[in-house]
């Protein structure tokens, strides 16, 4: 599959040092931290045209089921996008990696059967706008599959998350904000929340601000018929 030649004059997101760190860290997390199994769970049952928001280095691509006819993978960071292109060429489903941001997706409205957000909504600069864009490009009834860092359910860790979010964490980890309430934000954006479950990564050992996660599905509702 030929990749699009879409070009932007300047990358909207550029974190070359973090990109190199993330590329190594994410592979290790998949292989030794059990994250690969969560990717499979996230993508199981998808079909048709899928848009992936913030594809990173393309680790999801190997987990898409054969019923997916096309993945349009949006990645704003140049270094990660290059890695994603390579991963897309090795994937068993057609993958088109393009530059763009979650807040201004470079695709038509109601063009996709599903959207995938995997460890990315914590990093977007404007979460409500990003979710509004995802809702825009989904057909009515289309699914949003999400696997995200999120606000801890216990007060102690939630307080720690808010502290690090206001100080060093976004600077060190590519704009990541660990205390965002993903479920509340998805509902506020007009999605119908489906099944979900809370996770802890890693499952054992030291809890980090990024440890609380949530994996689930939401849907763009059908319009009311008058």
C-alpha atoms as a PDB file:
ATOM      1  CA  UNK A   1       0.000   0.000   0.000  1.00  0.00           C
ATOM      2  CA  UNK A   2       1.387   3.378  -0.982  1.00  0.00           C
ATOM      3  CA  UNK A   3       1.659   5.885   1.830  1.00  0.00           C
ATOM      4  CA  UNK A   4       0.198   9.333   1.441  1.00  0.00           C
ATOM      5  CA  UNK A   5       2.552  12.131   0.525  1.00  0.00           C
ATOM      6  CA  UNK A   6       0.912  14.563   2.949  1.00  0.00           C
ATOM      7  CA  UNK A   7       3.479  17.031   4.240  1.00  0.00           C
ATOM      8  CA  UNK A   8       3.391  19.706   6.878  1.00  0.00           C
ATOM      9  CA  UNK A   9       5.768  22.681   6.947  1.00  0.00           C
ATOM     10  CA  UNK A  10       6.613  22.086  10.570  1.00  0.00           C
ATOM     11  CA  UNK A  11       5.911  19.267  13.002  1.00  0.00           C
ATOM     12  CA  UNK A  12       3.204  20.190  15.480  1.00  0.00           C
ATOM     13  CA  UNK A  13       4.894  17.939  18.049  1.00  0.00           C
ATOM     14  CA  UNK A  14       8.638  17.414  18.246  1.00  0.00           C
ATOM     15  CA  UNK A  15      10.142  15.450  21.141  1.00  0.00           C
ATOM     16  CA  UNK A  16      13.200  13.713  19.629  1.00  0.00           C
ATOM     17  CA  UNK A  17      14.797  12.738  22.952  1.00  0.00           C
ATOM     18  CA  UNK A  18      11.543  11.423  24.391  1.00  0.00           C
ATOM     19  CA  UNK A  19      10.757   9.671  21.103  1.00  0.00           C
ATOM     20  CA  UNK A  20      13.960   7.624  21.304  1.00  0.00           C
ATOM     21  CA  UNK A  21      13.296   6.795  24.961  1.00  0.00           C
ATOM     22  CA  UNK A  22       9.659   5.903  24.280  1.00  0.00           C
ATOM     23  CA  UNK A  23      10.565   3.659  21.344  1.00  0.00           C
ATOM     24  CA  UNK A  24      12.797   1.539  23.599  1.00  0.00           C
ATOM     25  CA  UNK A  25      10.551   1.689  26.660  1.00  0.00           C
ATOM     26  CA  UNK A  26       7.363   0.748  24.806  1.00  0.00           C
ATOM     27  CA  UNK A  27       8.917  -2.320  23.195  1.00  0.00           C
ATOM     28  CA  UNK A  28      10.184  -3.489  26.585  1.00  0.00           C
ATOM     29  CA  UNK A  29       6.742  -2.887  28.136  1.00  0.00           C
ATOM     30  CA  UNK A  30       5.125  -4.968  25.396  1.00  0.00           C
ATOM     31  CA  UNK A  31       7.581  -7.828  25.681  1.00  0.00           C
ATOM     32  CA  UNK A  32       8.119  -8.001  29.439  1.00  0.00           C
ATOM     33  CA  UNK A  33       5.346  -5.910  30.987  1.00  0.00           C
ATOM     34  CA  UNK A  34       2.322  -7.594  29.448  1.00  0.00           C
ATOM     35  CA  UNK A  35       1.198  -4.565  27.442  1.00  0.00           C
ATOM     36  CA  UNK A  36       1.043  -6.547  24.181  1.00  0.00           C
ATOM     37  CA  UNK A  37      -1.848  -8.590  25.592  1.00  0.00           C
ATOM     38  CA  UNK A  38      -3.751  -5.393  26.359  1.00  0.00           C
ATOM     39  CA  UNK A  39      -3.222  -4.228  22.778  1.00  0.00           C
ATOM     40  CA  UNK A  40      -4.748  -7.461  21.509  1.00  0.00           C
ATOM     41  CA  UNK A  41      -7.704  -7.067  23.872  1.00  0.00           C
ATOM     42  CA  UNK A  42      -8.163  -3.462  22.775  1.00  0.00           C
ATOM     43  CA  UNK A  43      -8.348  -4.298  19.063  1.00  0.00           C
ATOM     44  CA  UNK A  44     -10.133  -7.652  19.057  1.00  0.00           C
ATOM     45  CA  UNK A  45     -13.330  -7.622  17.000  1.00  0.00           C
ATOM     46  CA  UNK A  46     -12.603  -4.491  14.980  1.00  0.00           C
ATOM     47  CA  UNK A  47     -13.522  -4.387  11.305  1.00  0.00           C
ATOM     48  CA  UNK A  48     -13.754  -1.940   8.441  1.00  0.00           C
ATOM     49  CA  UNK A  49     -11.896   1.369   8.330  1.00  0.00           C
ATOM     50  CA  UNK A  50     -10.061   2.385  11.509  1.00  0.00           C
ATOM     51  CA  UNK A  51      -8.331   5.614  12.481  1.00  0.00           C
ATOM     52  CA  UNK A  52      -5.624   5.371  15.127  1.00  0.00           C
ATOM     53  CA  UNK A  53      -4.846   8.544  17.058  1.00  0.00           C
ATOM     54  CA  UNK A  54      -1.216   8.988  18.065  1.00  0.00           C
ATOM     55  CA  UNK A  55       0.157   5.756  16.649  1.00  0.00           C
ATOM     56  CA  UNK A  56       3.610   6.257  18.196  1.00  0.00           C
ATOM     57  CA  UNK A  57       6.053   3.694  16.843  1.00  0.00           C
ATOM     58  CA  UNK A  58       3.265   1.482  15.522  1.00  0.00           C
ATOM     59  CA  UNK A  59       3.154  -1.263  18.142  1.00  0.00           C
ATOM     60  CA  UNK A  60      -0.603  -1.691  17.718  1.00  0.00           C
ATOM     61  CA  UNK A  61      -0.334  -2.539  14.030  1.00  0.00           C
ATOM     62  CA  UNK A  62       0.571  -6.201  14.530  1.00  0.00           C
ATOM     63  CA  UNK A  63      -2.551  -6.720  16.658  1.00  0.00           C
ATOM     64  CA  UNK A  64      -5.232  -5.572  14.200  1.00  0.00           C
ATOM     65  CA  UNK A  65      -7.557  -8.395  13.118  1.00  0.00           C
ATOM     66  CA  UNK A  66      -7.824  -9.364   9.457  1.00  0.00           C
ATOM     67  CA  UNK A  67     -11.359  -7.943   9.222  1.00  0.00           C
ATOM     68  CA  UNK A  68      -9.883  -4.415   9.348  1.00  0.00           C
ATOM     69  CA  UNK A  69      -9.760  -3.129   5.765  1.00  0.00           C
ATOM     70  CA  UNK A  70      -7.555  -0.083   6.436  1.00  0.00           C
ATOM     71  CA  UNK A  71      -5.842   1.707   9.312  1.00  0.00           C
ATOM     72  CA  UNK A  72      -5.169   5.417   8.964  1.00  0.00           C
ATOM     73  CA  UNK A  73      -2.580   6.081  11.658  1.00  0.00           C
ATOM     74  CA  UNK A  74      -2.069   9.685  12.790  1.00  0.00           C
ATOM     75  CA  UNK A  75       1.276  10.507  14.408  1.00  0.00           C
ATOM     76  CA  UNK A  76       2.546  14.078  14.893  1.00  0.00           C
ATOM     77  CA  UNK A  77       6.073  13.300  16.120  1.00  0.00           C
ATOM     78  CA  UNK A  78       8.536  12.909  13.242  1.00  0.00           C
ATOM     79  CA  UNK A  79      10.855  10.300  14.765  1.00  0.00           C
ATOM     80  CA  UNK A  80       8.020   8.078  15.962  1.00  0.00           C
ATOM     81  CA  UNK A  81       6.231   8.491  12.637  1.00  0.00           C
ATOM     82  CA  UNK A  82       9.241   7.074  10.777  1.00  0.00           C
ATOM     83  CA  UNK A  83       9.216   4.030  13.051  1.00  0.00           C
ATOM     84  CA  UNK A  84       5.465   3.662  12.539  1.00  0.00           C
ATOM     85  CA  UNK A  85       5.908   3.636   8.761  1.00  0.00           C
ATOM     86  CA  UNK A  86       8.245   0.652   9.092  1.00  0.00           C
ATOM     87  CA  UNK A  87       5.820  -1.128  11.398  1.00  0.00           C
ATOM     88  CA  UNK A  88       3.011  -0.430   8.951  1.00  0.00           C
ATOM     89  CA  UNK A  89       4.911  -2.066   6.113  1.00  0.00           C
ATOM     90  CA  UNK A  90       5.248  -5.226   8.229  1.00  0.00           C
ATOM     91  CA  UNK A  91       1.585  -5.288   9.298  1.00  0.00           C
ATOM     92  CA  UNK A  92      -0.890  -7.824   7.926  1.00  0.00           C
ATOM     93  CA  UNK A  93      -3.530  -5.154   7.343  1.00  0.00           C
ATOM     94  CA  UNK A  94      -3.152  -2.024   5.165  1.00  0.00           C
ATOM     95  CA  UNK A  95      -1.725   0.848   7.235  1.00  0.00           C
ATOM     96  CA  UNK A  96      -1.359   4.437   6.079  1.00  0.00           C
ATOM     97  CA  UNK A  97       0.777   6.573   8.431  1.00  0.00           C
ATOM     98  CA  UNK A  98       0.182  10.313   8.119  1.00  0.00           C
ATOM     99  CA  UNK A  99       1.184  13.440  10.059  1.00  0.00           C
ATOM    100  CA  UNK A 100      -1.447  15.311  12.010  1.00  0.00           C
ATOM    101  CA  UNK A 101      -2.701  16.145  15.474  1.00  0.00           C
ATOM    102  CA  UNK A 102      -5.631  14.787  17.449  1.00  0.00           C
ATOM    103  CA  UNK A 103      -7.164  18.252  17.665  1.00  0.00           C
ATOM    104  CA  UNK A 104      -7.292  18.655  13.855  1.00  0.00           C
ATOM    105  CA  UNK A 105      -7.537  15.239  12.209  1.00  0.00           C
ATOM    106  CA  UNK A 106      -6.747  15.467   8.464  1.00  0.00           C
ATOM    107  CA  UNK A 107      -9.666  13.252   7.381  1.00  0.00           C
ATOM    108  CA  UNK A 108     -13.313  13.609   6.387  1.00  0.00           C
ATOM    109  CA  UNK A 109     -16.250  13.446   8.778  1.00  0.00           C
ATOM    110  CA  UNK A 110     -18.015  10.131   9.417  1.00  0.00           C
ATOM    111  CA  UNK A 111     -15.348   8.268   7.433  1.00  0.00           C
ATOM    112  CA  UNK A 112     -14.440   5.523   9.922  1.00  0.00           C
ATOM    113  CA  UNK A 113     -16.037   2.523  11.566  1.00  0.00           C
ATOM    114  CA  UNK A 114     -13.778   2.745  14.619  1.00  0.00           C
ATOM    115  CA  UNK A 115     -11.166   4.916  16.274  1.00  0.00           C
ATOM    116  CA  UNK A 116      -8.331   3.746  18.501  1.00  0.00           C
ATOM    117  CA  UNK A 117      -6.689   5.847  21.221  1.00  0.00           C
ATOM    118  CA  UNK A 118      -3.861   3.986  22.930  1.00  0.00           C
ATOM    119  CA  UNK A 119      -1.809   5.753  25.617  1.00  0.00           C
ATOM    120  CA  UNK A 120      -2.214   9.063  23.806  1.00  0.00           C
ATOM    121  CA  UNK A 121      -5.128  11.037  25.301  1.00  0.00           C
ATOM    122  CA  UNK A 122      -2.898  11.830  28.265  1.00  0.00           C
ATOM    123  CA  UNK A 123      -0.590  13.764  25.927  1.00  0.00           C
ATOM    124  CA  UNK A 124      -2.930  15.793  23.720  1.00  0.00           C
ATOM    125  CA  UNK A 125      -2.906  19.519  24.370  1.00  0.00           C
ATOM    126  CA  UNK A 126      -6.691  19.935  24.260  1.00  0.00           C
ATOM    127  CA  UNK A 127      -8.527  16.783  25.318  1.00  0.00           C
ATOM    128  CA  UNK A 128     -12.126  17.989  24.686  1.00  0.00           C
ATOM    129  CA  UNK A 129     -11.203  19.165  21.192  1.00  0.00           C
ATOM    130  CA  UNK A 130      -9.397  15.895  20.423  1.00  0.00           C
ATOM    131  CA  UNK A 131     -12.418  13.844  21.497  1.00  0.00           C
ATOM    132  CA  UNK A 132     -14.710  16.107  19.471  1.00  0.00           C
ATOM    133  CA  UNK A 133     -12.538  15.419  16.422  1.00  0.00           C
ATOM    134  CA  UNK A 134     -12.680  11.676  17.040  1.00  0.00           C
ATOM    135  CA  UNK A 135     -16.459  11.890  17.304  1.00  0.00           C
ATOM    136  CA  UNK A 136     -16.586  13.883  14.070  1.00  0.00           C
ATOM    137  CA  UNK A 137     -14.708  11.316  11.990  1.00  0.00           C
ATOM    138  CA  UNK A 138     -16.638   8.291  13.304  1.00  0.00           C
ATOM    139  CA  UNK A 139     -19.809   7.182  11.590  1.00  0.00           C
ATOM    140  CA  UNK A 140     -22.887   7.069  13.849  1.00  0.00           C
ATOM    141  CA  UNK A 141     -22.606   3.873  15.861  1.00  0.00           C
ATOM    142  CA  UNK A 142     -18.849   3.775  15.343  1.00  0.00           C
ATOM    143  CA  UNK A 143     -16.646   2.667  18.224  1.00  0.00           C
ATOM    144  CA  UNK A 144     -13.923   4.435  20.136  1.00  0.00           C
ATOM    145  CA  UNK A 145     -11.547   1.869  21.606  1.00  0.00           C
ATOM    146  CA  UNK A 146      -9.374   3.367  24.347  1.00  0.00           C
ATOM    147  CA  UNK A 147      -6.459   2.135  26.452  1.00  0.00           C
ATOM    148  CA  UNK A 148      -5.265   5.084  28.506  1.00  0.00           C
ATOM    149  CA  UNK A 149      -3.532   6.304  31.607  1.00  0.00           C
ATOM    150  CA  UNK A 150      -6.067   7.788  33.979  1.00  0.00           C
ATOM    151  CA  UNK A 151      -6.890   9.299  37.328  1.00  0.00           C
ATOM    152  CA  UNK A 152      -6.216   6.878  40.185  1.00  0.00           C
ATOM    153  CA  UNK A 153      -9.309   5.736  42.124  1.00  0.00           C
ATOM    154  CA  UNK A 154      -7.559   6.214  45.481  1.00  0.00           C
ATOM    155  CA  UNK A 155      -6.987   9.707  46.857  1.00  0.00           C
ATOM    156  CA  UNK A 156      -3.308   9.323  47.756  1.00  0.00           C
ATOM    157  CA  UNK A 157      -2.063   8.363  44.303  1.00  0.00           C
ATOM    158  CA  UNK A 158      -4.496  10.779  42.627  1.00  0.00           C
ATOM    159  CA  UNK A 159      -2.963  13.621  44.661  1.00  0.00           C
ATOM    160  CA  UNK A 160       0.527  12.510  43.626  1.00  0.00           C
ATOM    161  CA  UNK A 161      -0.583  12.420  39.986  1.00  0.00           C
ATOM    162  CA  UNK A 162      -1.844  16.000  40.140  1.00  0.00           C
ATOM    163  CA  UNK A 163       1.403  17.159  41.727  1.00  0.00           C
ATOM    164  CA  UNK A 164       3.664  15.561  39.125  1.00  0.00           C
ATOM    165  CA  UNK A 165       1.366  16.728  36.310  1.00  0.00           C
ATOM    166  CA  UNK A 166       1.915  20.323  37.425  1.00  0.00           C
ATOM    167  CA  UNK A 167       5.682  19.914  37.640  1.00  0.00           C
ATOM    168  CA  UNK A 168       8.090  17.471  36.010  1.00  0.00           C
ATOM    169  CA  UNK A 169       6.033  14.657  34.472  1.00  0.00           C
ATOM    170  CA  UNK A 170       4.874  16.363  31.238  1.00  0.00           C
ATOM    171  CA  UNK A 171       8.390  17.696  30.643  1.00  0.00           C
ATOM    172  CA  UNK A 172       9.981  14.270  31.036  1.00  0.00           C
ATOM    173  CA  UNK A 173       7.359  12.175  29.255  1.00  0.00           C
ATOM    174  CA  UNK A 174       6.334  13.958  26.087  1.00  0.00           C
ATOM    175  CA  UNK A 175       3.475  15.997  27.523  1.00  0.00           C
ATOM    176  CA  UNK A 176       1.854  13.123  29.427  1.00  0.00           C
ATOM    177  CA  UNK A 177      -0.696  14.120  32.119  1.00  0.00           C
ATOM    178  CA  UNK A 178      -1.437  11.153  34.347  1.00  0.00           C
ATOM    179  CA  UNK A 179      -4.419  12.572  36.262  1.00  0.00           C
ATOM    180  CA  UNK A 180      -6.815  13.059  33.371  1.00  0.00           C
ATOM    181  CA  UNK A 181     -10.197  11.426  33.944  1.00  0.00           C
ATOM    182  CA  UNK A 182     -10.526   9.591  30.638  1.00  0.00           C
ATOM    183  CA  UNK A 183     -13.971   8.112  31.304  1.00  0.00           C
ATOM    184  CA  UNK A 184     -15.498  11.459  32.298  1.00  0.00           C
ATOM    185  CA  UNK A 185     -13.927  13.185  29.301  1.00  0.00           C
ATOM    186  CA  UNK A 186     -15.240  10.558  26.869  1.00  0.00           C
ATOM    187  CA  UNK A 187     -18.777  10.902  28.229  1.00  0.00           C
ATOM    188  CA  UNK A 188     -18.568  14.710  28.223  1.00  0.00           C
ATOM    189  CA  UNK A 189     -17.648  14.566  24.529  1.00  0.00           C
ATOM    190  CA  UNK A 190     -20.978  12.933  23.730  1.00  0.00           C
ATOM    191  CA  UNK A 191     -19.970   9.285  23.514  1.00  0.00           C
ATOM    192  CA  UNK A 192     -22.006   6.453  24.978  1.00  0.00           C
ATOM    193  CA  UNK A 193     -19.696   4.631  27.364  1.00  0.00           C
ATOM    194  CA  UNK A 194     -19.689   0.859  26.972  1.00  0.00           C
ATOM    195  CA  UNK A 195     -17.775  -1.806  28.852  1.00  0.00           C
ATOM    196  CA  UNK A 196     -14.451  -0.935  30.429  1.00  0.00           C
ATOM    197  CA  UNK A 197     -12.078  -2.181  33.066  1.00  0.00           C
ATOM    198  CA  UNK A 198      -9.388  -0.578  35.181  1.00  0.00           C
ATOM    199  CA  UNK A 199      -5.824  -1.861  35.023  1.00  0.00           C
ATOM    200  CA  UNK A 200      -2.600  -1.379  36.890  1.00  0.00           C
ATOM    201  CA  UNK A 201       0.652  -1.364  34.899  1.00  0.00           C
ATOM    202  CA  UNK A 202       2.814  -3.001  36.048  1.00  0.00           C
ATOM    203  CA  UNK A 203       0.448  -5.334  37.875  1.00  0.00           C
ATOM    204  CA  UNK A 204       2.886  -5.815  40.758  1.00  0.00           C
ATOM    205  CA  UNK A 205       5.618  -3.797  42.392  1.00  0.00           C
ATOM    206  CA  UNK A 206       6.032  -0.055  42.665  1.00  0.00           C
ATOM    207  CA  UNK A 207       3.022   2.041  41.714  1.00  0.00           C
ATOM    208  CA  UNK A 208       3.885   4.964  39.464  1.00  0.00           C
ATOM    209  CA  UNK A 209       1.711   7.966  38.571  1.00  0.00           C
ATOM    210  CA  UNK A 210       1.260   6.298  35.187  1.00  0.00           C
ATOM    211  CA  UNK A 211       0.245   2.913  36.620  1.00  0.00           C
ATOM    212  CA  UNK A 212      -3.564   3.406  36.759  1.00  0.00           C
ATOM    213  CA  UNK A 213      -5.044   2.696  33.321  1.00  0.00           C
ATOM    214  CA  UNK A 214      -8.437   2.041  31.822  1.00  0.00           C
ATOM    215  CA  UNK A 215      -9.304  -0.082  28.781  1.00  0.00           C
ATOM    216  CA  UNK A 216     -12.714   0.045  27.198  1.00  0.00           C
ATOM    217  CA  UNK A 217     -15.078   1.005  24.417  1.00  0.00           C
ATOM    218  CA  UNK A 218     -17.453   3.894  23.733  1.00  0.00           C
ATOM    219  CA  UNK A 219     -19.722   4.626  20.784  1.00  0.00           C
ATOM    220  CA  UNK A 220     -20.808   7.626  18.813  1.00  0.00           C
ATOM    221  CA  UNK A 221     -24.587   7.559  19.271  1.00  0.00           C
ATOM    222  CA  UNK A 222     -27.021   7.465  16.396  1.00  0.00           C
ATOM    223  CA  UNK A 223     -28.892  10.748  15.908  1.00  0.00           C
ATOM    224  CA  UNK A 224     -32.355  10.982  17.387  1.00  0.00           C
ATOM    225  CA  UNK A 225     -35.115  10.282  14.901  1.00  0.00           C
ATOM    226  CA  UNK A 226     -37.970  12.772  15.105  1.00  0.00           C
END
